[in-house]
Amino acid sequence: MDVKHTAVTVAVVLSLSKVAFAADPAPPPETRAAQPSASAADAALARIIDRPHTIAEIEAGIIVLPTAPISAGQSGGDTPFGTIGRGDATMQTGLHILYRWNRDFAVGAGALFSPFPTSDPEYGGLRQLPRTHSRGYFFLGGEGRYIPFHYRFIEAWVGLSIGGVVVADRFATDAGDQVAPILGTREVTVRTEGFAFGVQLGGTYYLSENWIAGANFRAYRWILPETPRCSSIGDCATLSGTVEALELGITVGYRLPL
């Protein structure tokens, strides 16, 4: 009887063991493969961002001055996407050079300018003297970035930017005979220099160990002279005092380890 009871007990234990293993199946192959892939991506990003390096970025985007059209008749600016808002809006390009000494901080400098400023073909209002007016922007300054978010090959950052801004109002007369440049030109440029500071945020995706792509947004406040500068023939700057500027751009950069 003792042998029979022992055999029955062993059989019951083996059956319960099979049920327990069947109730806890192994994770599917795709899940097991995804776990090391995620950790490998995190490790690859860590190797990139933990080593001091420099970054050169080129940028293309749009600058918008929400409350500052170039004239009463030219509202919303001129971009490939149409008009934006009630102020001026135009294309903008630029370059950023950054030094990043650890994973969380980077500092550098940047230059931004508008190569195709909005033009008002009805400036002046006299048919017998057709004139045009356009307004370009140039910024040169420094910037700092704090990068708190790191996930696989993606990063997100916030920062500050400060520097100088130059606004160029260009007035051109389209009538009259062509003459040699030594006798004068048809264009008058009135430049206004000021101070600019703002906040920025953006994201970066690592295409490879050296190449990156990203997007950013900046909000600036320009401090310009209160009294507009004028030319000798009465053409005056169209911006003065405090002006708000918004910028949205996409970037492509190259990373150089040190």
C-alpha atoms as a PDB file:
ATOM      1  CA  MET A   1       0.000   0.000   0.000  1.00  0.00           C
ATOM      2  CA  ASP A   2       2.835   2.418   0.797  1.00  0.00           C
ATOM      3  CA  VAL A   3       4.329   1.845  -2.680  1.00  0.00           C
ATOM      4  CA  LYS A   4       0.992   2.552  -4.356  1.00  0.00           C
ATOM      5  CA  HIS A   5       0.472   5.759  -2.365  1.00  0.00           C
ATOM      6  CA  THR A   6       3.993   6.913  -3.244  1.00  0.00           C
ATOM      7  CA  ALA A   7       3.459   6.282  -6.973  1.00  0.00           C
ATOM      8  CA  VAL A   8       0.176   8.176  -6.951  1.00  0.00           C
ATOM      9  CA  THR A   9       1.792  11.141  -5.170  1.00  0.00           C
ATOM     10  CA  VAL A  10       4.654  11.337  -7.705  1.00  0.00           C
ATOM     11  CA  ALA A  11       2.199  11.211 -10.608  1.00  0.00           C
ATOM     12  CA  VAL A  12       0.146  14.074  -9.155  1.00  0.00           C
ATOM     13  CA  VAL A  13       3.260  16.250  -8.617  1.00  0.00           C
ATOM     14  CA  LEU A  14       4.428  15.696 -12.208  1.00  0.00           C
ATOM     15  CA  SER A  15       0.996  16.604 -13.581  1.00  0.00           C
ATOM     16  CA  LEU A  16       0.870  19.841 -11.576  1.00  0.00           C
ATOM     17  CA  SER A  17       4.361  20.773 -12.813  1.00  0.00           C
ATOM     18  CA  LYS A  18       3.286  20.359 -16.446  1.00  0.00           C
ATOM     19  CA  VAL A  19       0.226  22.550 -15.863  1.00  0.00           C
ATOM     20  CA  ALA A  20       2.312  25.266 -14.202  1.00  0.00           C
ATOM     21  CA  PHE A  21       4.773  25.429 -17.101  1.00  0.00           C
ATOM     22  CA  ALA A  22       1.938  25.470 -19.636  1.00  0.00           C
ATOM     23  CA  ALA A  23       0.252  28.393 -17.838  1.00  0.00           C
ATOM     24  CA  ASP A  24       3.378  30.561 -18.132  1.00  0.00           C
ATOM     25  CA  PRO A  25       4.436  30.422 -21.795  1.00  0.00           C
ATOM     26  CA  ALA A  26       7.680  31.965 -23.016  1.00  0.00           C
ATOM     27  CA  PRO A  27       7.446  35.443 -24.591  1.00  0.00           C
ATOM     28  CA  PRO A  28       6.968  35.470 -28.370  1.00  0.00           C
ATOM     29  CA  PRO A  29      10.104  35.661 -30.528  1.00  0.00           C
ATOM     30  CA  GLU A  30       9.375  39.242 -31.640  1.00  0.00           C
ATOM     31  CA  THR A  31       9.223  40.412 -27.982  1.00  0.00           C
ATOM     32  CA  ARG A  32      12.494  38.706 -27.125  1.00  0.00           C
ATOM     33  CA  ALA A  33      14.130  40.297 -30.149  1.00  0.00           C
ATOM     34  CA  ALA A  34      12.794  43.782 -29.347  1.00  0.00           C
ATOM     35  CA  GLN A  35      14.229  43.883 -25.820  1.00  0.00           C
ATOM     36  CA  PRO A  36      17.911  43.664 -26.771  1.00  0.00           C
ATOM     37  CA  SER A  37      17.267  45.984 -29.738  1.00  0.00           C
ATOM     38  CA  ALA A  38      15.999  48.768 -27.453  1.00  0.00           C
ATOM     39  CA  SER A  39      18.899  48.367 -25.051  1.00  0.00           C
ATOM     40  CA  ALA A  40      21.346  48.300 -27.951  1.00  0.00           C
ATOM     41  CA  ALA A  41      19.872  51.563 -29.272  1.00  0.00           C
ATOM     42  CA  ASP A  42      20.183  53.197 -25.848  1.00  0.00           C
ATOM     43  CA  ALA A  43      23.780  52.015 -25.565  1.00  0.00           C
ATOM     44  CA  ALA A  44      24.589  53.331 -29.049  1.00  0.00           C
ATOM     45  CA  LEU A  45      23.134  56.764 -28.219  1.00  0.00           C
ATOM     46  CA  ALA A  46      25.066  56.832 -24.939  1.00  0.00           C
ATOM     47  CA  ARG A  47      28.344  56.190 -26.772  1.00  0.00           C
ATOM     48  CA  ILE A  48      27.590  59.115 -29.075  1.00  0.00           C
ATOM     49  CA  ILE A  49      26.398  61.765 -26.615  1.00  0.00           C
ATOM     50  CA  ASP A  50      28.706  60.988 -23.678  1.00  0.00           C
ATOM     51  CA  ARG A  51      31.803  61.862 -25.684  1.00  0.00           C
ATOM     52  CA  PRO A  52      32.630  65.585 -26.234  1.00  0.00           C
ATOM     53  CA  HIS A  53      31.889  66.613 -29.805  1.00  0.00           C
ATOM     54  CA  THR A  54      31.031  69.540 -32.069  1.00  0.00           C
ATOM     55  CA  ILE A  55      27.982  69.847 -34.309  1.00  0.00           C
ATOM     56  CA  ALA A  56      27.523  71.939 -37.452  1.00  0.00           C
ATOM     57  CA  GLU A  57      23.877  72.412 -38.472  1.00  0.00           C
ATOM     58  CA  ILE A  58      22.337  74.069 -41.508  1.00  0.00           C
ATOM     59  CA  GLU A  59      18.760  75.288 -41.154  1.00  0.00           C
ATOM     60  CA  ALA A  60      15.873  76.211 -43.420  1.00  0.00           C
ATOM     61  CA  GLY A  61      12.551  77.542 -42.218  1.00  0.00           C
ATOM     62  CA  ILE A  62      10.234  80.499 -41.804  1.00  0.00           C
ATOM     63  CA  ILE A  63      10.423  83.694 -39.760  1.00  0.00           C
ATOM     64  CA  VAL A  64       7.155  85.423 -38.787  1.00  0.00           C
ATOM     65  CA  LEU A  65       6.668  88.909 -37.350  1.00  0.00           C
ATOM     66  CA  PRO A  66       3.034  88.623 -36.175  1.00  0.00           C
ATOM     67  CA  THR A  67       2.406  92.354 -35.684  1.00  0.00           C
ATOM     68  CA  ALA A  68       4.724  93.939 -38.250  1.00  0.00           C
ATOM     69  CA  PRO A  69       3.709  93.798 -41.945  1.00  0.00           C
ATOM     70  CA  ILE A  70       6.065  95.537 -44.359  1.00  0.00           C
ATOM     71  CA  SER A  71       3.181  97.820 -45.430  1.00  0.00           C
ATOM     72  CA  ALA A  72      -0.539  98.265 -44.911  1.00  0.00           C
ATOM     73  CA  GLY A  73      -1.256  96.504 -48.205  1.00  0.00           C
ATOM     74  CA  GLN A  74       1.077  93.518 -47.674  1.00  0.00           C
ATOM     75  CA  SER A  75      -0.297  91.456 -44.799  1.00  0.00           C
ATOM     76  CA  GLY A  76       0.835  87.889 -44.103  1.00  0.00           C
ATOM     77  CA  GLY A  77       4.142  88.011 -45.940  1.00  0.00           C
ATOM     78  CA  ASP A  78       5.201  85.670 -48.713  1.00  0.00           C
ATOM     79  CA  THR A  79       6.176  82.016 -48.167  1.00  0.00           C
ATOM     80  CA  PRO A  80       5.892  78.793 -50.221  1.00  0.00           C
ATOM     81  CA  PHE A  81       2.926  77.921 -47.985  1.00  0.00           C
ATOM     82  CA  GLY A  82       1.088  81.197 -48.609  1.00  0.00           C
ATOM     83  CA  THR A  83       0.534  84.052 -46.190  1.00  0.00           C
ATOM     84  CA  ILE A  84       0.883  83.551 -42.433  1.00  0.00           C
ATOM     85  CA  GLY A  85      -0.893  85.804 -39.952  1.00  0.00           C
ATOM     86  CA  ARG A  86      -1.227  89.549 -40.364  1.00  0.00           C
ATOM     87  CA  GLY A  87       2.409  90.572 -40.106  1.00  0.00           C
ATOM     88  CA  ASP A  88       5.393  89.717 -42.259  1.00  0.00           C
ATOM     89  CA  ALA A  89       6.511  86.151 -42.985  1.00  0.00           C
ATOM     90  CA  THR A  90       9.316  84.929 -45.211  1.00  0.00           C
ATOM     91  CA  MET A  91      11.827  82.136 -45.723  1.00  0.00           C
ATOM     92  CA  GLN A  92      14.889  81.946 -43.497  1.00  0.00           C
ATOM     93  CA  THR A  93      18.168  80.018 -43.655  1.00  0.00           C
ATOM     94  CA  GLY A  94      21.063  79.758 -41.281  1.00  0.00           C
ATOM     95  CA  LEU A  95      23.992  77.946 -39.704  1.00  0.00           C
ATOM     96  CA  HIS A  96      24.658  76.774 -36.125  1.00  0.00           C
ATOM     97  CA  ILE A  97      28.002  75.663 -34.643  1.00  0.00           C
ATOM     98  CA  LEU A  98      27.716  73.923 -31.261  1.00  0.00           C
ATOM     99  CA  TYR A  99      30.098  72.400 -28.740  1.00  0.00           C
ATOM    100  CA  ARG A 100      28.675  69.653 -26.537  1.00  0.00           C
ATOM    101  CA  TRP A 101      30.874  68.505 -23.672  1.00  0.00           C
ATOM    102  CA  ASN A 102      28.416  66.031 -22.116  1.00  0.00           C
ATOM    103  CA  ARG A 103      24.982  64.536 -22.728  1.00  0.00           C
ATOM    104  CA  ASP A 104      22.976  67.356 -21.140  1.00  0.00           C
ATOM    105  CA  PHE A 105      24.505  70.683 -22.267  1.00  0.00           C
ATOM    106  CA  ALA A 106      25.697  72.392 -25.450  1.00  0.00           C
ATOM    107  CA  VAL A 107      26.727  75.958 -26.294  1.00  0.00           C
ATOM    108  CA  GLY A 108      27.523  77.662 -29.553  1.00  0.00           C
ATOM    109  CA  ALA A 109      26.728  80.386 -32.033  1.00  0.00           C
ATOM    110  CA  GLY A 110      24.419  80.848 -34.974  1.00  0.00           C
ATOM    111  CA  ALA A 111      23.698  83.102 -37.926  1.00  0.00           C
ATOM    112  CA  LEU A 112      20.274  83.403 -39.588  1.00  0.00           C
ATOM    113  CA  PHE A 113      19.134  85.515 -42.531  1.00  0.00           C
ATOM    114  CA  SER A 114      16.205  85.844 -44.931  1.00  0.00           C
ATOM    115  CA  PRO A 115      17.381  85.367 -48.542  1.00  0.00           C
ATOM    116  CA  PHE A 116      13.990  86.089 -50.177  1.00  0.00           C
ATOM    117  CA  PRO A 117      12.359  88.987 -48.283  1.00  0.00           C
ATOM    118  CA  THR A 118       8.737  89.901 -48.850  1.00  0.00           C
ATOM    119  CA  SER A 119       8.333  92.644 -51.473  1.00  0.00           C
ATOM    120  CA  ASP A 120       5.606  95.289 -51.728  1.00  0.00           C
ATOM    121  CA  PRO A 121       5.313  96.340 -55.415  1.00  0.00           C
ATOM    122  CA  GLU A 122       2.923  99.218 -54.675  1.00  0.00           C
ATOM    123  CA  TYR A 123       5.118 101.193 -52.343  1.00  0.00           C
ATOM    124  CA  GLY A 124       4.868 104.908 -53.034  1.00  0.00           C
ATOM    125  CA  GLY A 125       1.381 104.837 -54.544  1.00  0.00           C
ATOM    126  CA  LEU A 126       2.193 106.910 -57.670  1.00  0.00           C
ATOM    127  CA  ARG A 127       1.814 105.258 -61.072  1.00  0.00           C
ATOM    128  CA  GLN A 128       4.267 107.672 -62.668  1.00  0.00           C
ATOM    129  CA  LEU A 129       6.895 106.640 -60.117  1.00  0.00           C
ATOM    130  CA  PRO A 130       6.550 102.919 -59.409  1.00  0.00           C
ATOM    131  CA  ARG A 131       8.586 101.815 -56.395  1.00  0.00           C
ATOM    132  CA  THR A 132       9.017  98.628 -54.394  1.00  0.00           C
ATOM    133  CA  HIS A 133       9.875  97.988 -50.777  1.00  0.00           C
ATOM    134  CA  SER A 134      11.257  94.847 -49.128  1.00  0.00           C
ATOM    135  CA  ARG A 135      12.561  94.076 -45.656  1.00  0.00           C
ATOM    136  CA  GLY A 136      15.269  91.539 -44.809  1.00  0.00           C
ATOM    137  CA  TYR A 137      16.488  90.211 -41.452  1.00  0.00           C
ATOM    138  CA  PHE A 138      19.865  89.059 -40.159  1.00  0.00           C
ATOM    139  CA  PHE A 139      20.645  87.613 -36.718  1.00  0.00           C
ATOM    140  CA  LEU A 140      24.049  86.767 -35.254  1.00  0.00           C
ATOM    141  CA  GLY A 141      24.485  85.568 -31.687  1.00  0.00           C
ATOM    142  CA  GLY A 142      25.114  82.839 -29.172  1.00  0.00           C
ATOM    143  CA  GLU A 143      22.913  80.076 -27.826  1.00  0.00           C
ATOM    144  CA  GLY A 144      22.812  77.477 -25.085  1.00  0.00           C
ATOM    145  CA  ARG A 145      20.880  74.210 -24.994  1.00  0.00           C
ATOM    146  CA  TYR A 146      19.818  71.891 -22.183  1.00  0.00           C
ATOM    147  CA  ILE A 147      19.022  68.363 -23.397  1.00  0.00           C
ATOM    148  CA  PRO A 148      17.015  66.534 -20.687  1.00  0.00           C
ATOM    149  CA  PHE A 149      15.300  63.888 -22.846  1.00  0.00           C
ATOM    150  CA  HIS A 150      17.171  60.939 -24.387  1.00  0.00           C
ATOM    151  CA  TYR A 151      15.332  57.931 -25.815  1.00  0.00           C
ATOM    152  CA  ARG A 152      16.941  55.505 -28.230  1.00  0.00           C
ATOM    153  CA  PHE A 153      18.044  57.763 -31.160  1.00  0.00           C
ATOM    154  CA  ILE A 154      15.828  60.749 -30.252  1.00  0.00           C
ATOM    155  CA  GLU A 155      16.582  63.775 -28.064  1.00  0.00           C
ATOM    156  CA  ALA A 156      14.608  66.865 -27.044  1.00  0.00           C
ATOM    157  CA  TRP A 157      16.070  70.142 -25.780  1.00  0.00           C
ATOM    158  CA  VAL A 158      15.265  73.660 -24.576  1.00  0.00           C
ATOM    159  CA  GLY A 159      17.500  76.708 -24.600  1.00  0.00           C
ATOM    160  CA  LEU A 160      18.187  80.425 -24.752  1.00  0.00           C
ATOM    161  CA  SER A 161      19.501  82.617 -27.550  1.00  0.00           C
ATOM    162  CA  ILE A 162      20.914  86.148 -27.417  1.00  0.00           C
ATOM    163  CA  GLY A 163      22.618  88.397 -29.952  1.00  0.00           C
ATOM    164  CA  GLY A 164      22.257  91.236 -32.420  1.00  0.00           C
ATOM    165  CA  VAL A 165      19.729  91.730 -35.204  1.00  0.00           C
ATOM    166  CA  VAL A 166      19.908  93.863 -38.341  1.00  0.00           C
ATOM    167  CA  VAL A 167      16.761  94.876 -40.242  1.00  0.00           C
ATOM    168  CA  ALA A 168      17.333  96.097 -43.806  1.00  0.00           C
ATOM    169  CA  ASP A 169      14.562  98.143 -45.493  1.00  0.00           C
ATOM    170  CA  ARG A 170      15.238  98.316 -49.212  1.00  0.00           C
ATOM    171  CA  PHE A 171      13.464 100.881 -51.386  1.00  0.00           C
ATOM    172  CA  ALA A 172      13.849 100.654 -55.168  1.00  0.00           C
ATOM    173  CA  THR A 173      12.609 102.880 -57.998  1.00  0.00           C
ATOM    174  CA  ASP A 174      11.544 100.881 -61.042  1.00  0.00           C
ATOM    175  CA  ALA A 175      11.194 103.805 -63.488  1.00  0.00           C
ATOM    176  CA  GLY A 176      13.766 105.930 -65.326  1.00  0.00           C
ATOM    177  CA  ASP A 177      16.683 105.282 -67.631  1.00  0.00           C
ATOM    178  CA  GLN A 178      19.515 102.941 -66.797  1.00  0.00           C
ATOM    179  CA  VAL A 179      22.703 104.799 -65.853  1.00  0.00           C
ATOM    180  CA  ALA A 180      26.195 103.756 -64.845  1.00  0.00           C
ATOM    181  CA  PRO A 181      26.536 102.756 -61.167  1.00  0.00           C
ATOM    182  CA  ILE A 182      29.025 105.594 -60.655  1.00  0.00           C
ATOM    183  CA  LEU A 183      26.161 108.026 -61.197  1.00  0.00           C
ATOM    184  CA  GLY A 184      23.961 106.378 -58.592  1.00  0.00           C
ATOM    185  CA  THR A 185      21.669 103.414 -58.053  1.00  0.00           C
ATOM    186  CA  ARG A 186      17.912 103.000 -57.955  1.00  0.00           C
ATOM    187  CA  GLU A 187      17.965 101.278 -54.580  1.00  0.00           C
ATOM    188  CA  VAL A 188      18.224 102.821 -51.120  1.00  0.00           C
ATOM    189  CA  THR A 189      18.824 100.621 -48.063  1.00  0.00           C
ATOM    190  CA  VAL A 190      18.034 101.800 -44.541  1.00  0.00           C
ATOM    191  CA  ARG A 191      19.539  99.531 -41.870  1.00  0.00           C
ATOM    192  CA  THR A 192      18.360  99.293 -38.281  1.00  0.00           C
ATOM    193  CA  GLU A 193      20.537  97.532 -35.694  1.00  0.00           C
ATOM    194  CA  GLY A 194      19.195  96.199 -32.415  1.00  0.00           C
ATOM    195  CA  PHE A 195      19.378  93.626 -29.644  1.00  0.00           C
ATOM    196  CA  ALA A 196      17.586  90.252 -29.692  1.00  0.00           C
ATOM    197  CA  PHE A 197      16.948  87.615 -27.043  1.00  0.00           C
ATOM    198  CA  GLY A 198      14.600  84.656 -26.872  1.00  0.00           C
ATOM    199  CA  VAL A 199      13.795  81.077 -25.941  1.00  0.00           C
ATOM    200  CA  GLN A 200      13.981  77.990 -28.120  1.00  0.00           C
ATOM    201  CA  LEU A 201      13.076  74.313 -28.108  1.00  0.00           C
ATOM    202  CA  GLY A 202      13.607  71.449 -30.488  1.00  0.00           C
ATOM    203  CA  GLY A 203      14.243  67.797 -31.153  1.00  0.00           C
ATOM    204  CA  THR A 204      17.027  65.767 -32.774  1.00  0.00           C
ATOM    205  CA  TYR A 205      17.098  62.351 -34.460  1.00  0.00           C
ATOM    206  CA  TYR A 206      20.392  60.531 -35.057  1.00  0.00           C
ATOM    207  CA  LEU A 207      20.414  59.226 -38.610  1.00  0.00           C
ATOM    208  CA  SER A 208      23.852  57.689 -37.992  1.00  0.00           C
ATOM    209  CA  GLU A 209      26.772  58.220 -35.667  1.00  0.00           C
ATOM    210  CA  ASN A 210      27.717  61.401 -37.535  1.00  0.00           C
ATOM    211  CA  TRP A 211      24.568  62.675 -39.268  1.00  0.00           C
ATOM    212  CA  ILE A 212      21.565  64.145 -37.422  1.00  0.00           C
ATOM    213  CA  ALA A 213      18.278  65.773 -38.385  1.00  0.00           C
ATOM    214  CA  GLY A 214      15.949  67.889 -36.305  1.00  0.00           C
ATOM    215  CA  ALA A 215      13.397  70.646 -35.933  1.00  0.00           C
ATOM    216  CA  ASN A 216      13.281  73.716 -33.716  1.00  0.00           C
ATOM    217  CA  PHE A 217      11.079  76.621 -32.703  1.00  0.00           C
ATOM    218  CA  ARG A 218      12.230  80.006 -31.377  1.00  0.00           C
ATOM    219  CA  ALA A 219      10.438  83.035 -29.972  1.00  0.00           C
ATOM    220  CA  TYR A 220      12.426  86.288 -29.987  1.00  0.00           C
ATOM    221  CA  ARG A 221      11.985  89.820 -28.774  1.00  0.00           C
ATOM    222  CA  TRP A 222      13.861  92.462 -30.738  1.00  0.00           C
ATOM    223  CA  ILE A 223      14.801  95.756 -29.087  1.00  0.00           C
ATOM    224  CA  LEU A 224      15.254  98.374 -31.824  1.00  0.00           C
ATOM    225  CA  PRO A 225      15.777 102.182 -31.650  1.00  0.00           C
ATOM    226  CA  GLU A 226      12.586 104.081 -30.865  1.00  0.00           C
ATOM    227  CA  THR A 227      13.260 106.689 -33.573  1.00  0.00           C
ATOM    228  CA  PRO A 228      13.330 105.189 -37.097  1.00  0.00           C
ATOM    229  CA  ARG A 229      16.344 105.979 -39.240  1.00  0.00           C
ATOM    230  CA  CYS A 230      15.648 107.723 -42.573  1.00  0.00           C
ATOM    231  CA  SER A 231      17.587 108.201 -45.786  1.00  0.00           C
ATOM    232  CA  SER A 232      18.437 111.560 -47.306  1.00  0.00           C
ATOM    233  CA  ILE A 233      15.433 111.320 -49.659  1.00  0.00           C
ATOM    234  CA  GLY A 234      12.919 110.512 -46.923  1.00  0.00           C
ATOM    235  CA  ASP A 235      12.754 106.709 -46.984  1.00  0.00           C
ATOM    236  CA  CYS A 236      12.509 105.555 -43.366  1.00  0.00           C
ATOM    237  CA  ALA A 237      12.868 102.264 -41.520  1.00  0.00           C
ATOM    238  CA  THR A 238       9.570 100.487 -40.970  1.00  0.00           C
ATOM    239  CA  LEU A 239      10.427  98.830 -37.620  1.00  0.00           C
ATOM    240  CA  SER A 240      11.214 100.494 -34.300  1.00  0.00           C
ATOM    241  CA  GLY A 241      10.864  99.826 -30.589  1.00  0.00           C
ATOM    242  CA  THR A 242       9.995  96.292 -29.433  1.00  0.00           C
ATOM    243  CA  VAL A 243       9.161  93.669 -32.055  1.00  0.00           C
ATOM    244  CA  GLU A 244       8.240  89.992 -31.588  1.00  0.00           C
ATOM    245  CA  ALA A 245       9.591  87.379 -33.991  1.00  0.00           C
ATOM    246  CA  LEU A 246       8.783  83.658 -34.289  1.00  0.00           C
ATOM    247  CA  GLU A 247      10.943  81.164 -36.139  1.00  0.00           C
ATOM    248  CA  LEU A 248      10.317  77.564 -37.181  1.00  0.00           C
ATOM    249  CA  GLY A 249      12.987  75.528 -38.916  1.00  0.00           C
ATOM    250  CA  ILE A 250      14.281  72.087 -39.822  1.00  0.00           C
ATOM    251  CA  THR A 251      17.967  71.232 -39.561  1.00  0.00           C
ATOM    252  CA  VAL A 252      20.519  68.781 -40.889  1.00  0.00           C
ATOM    253  CA  GLY A 253      23.761  68.481 -38.982  1.00  0.00           C
ATOM    254  CA  TYR A 254      27.113  66.740 -38.942  1.00  0.00           C
ATOM    255  CA  ARG A 255      28.689  65.579 -35.686  1.00  0.00           C
ATOM    256  CA  LEU A 256      32.484  65.562 -35.240  1.00  0.00           C
ATOM    257  CA  PRO A 257      33.836  63.695 -32.157  1.00  0.00           C
ATOM    258  CA  LEU A 258      36.765  65.310 -30.342  1.00  0.00           C
END
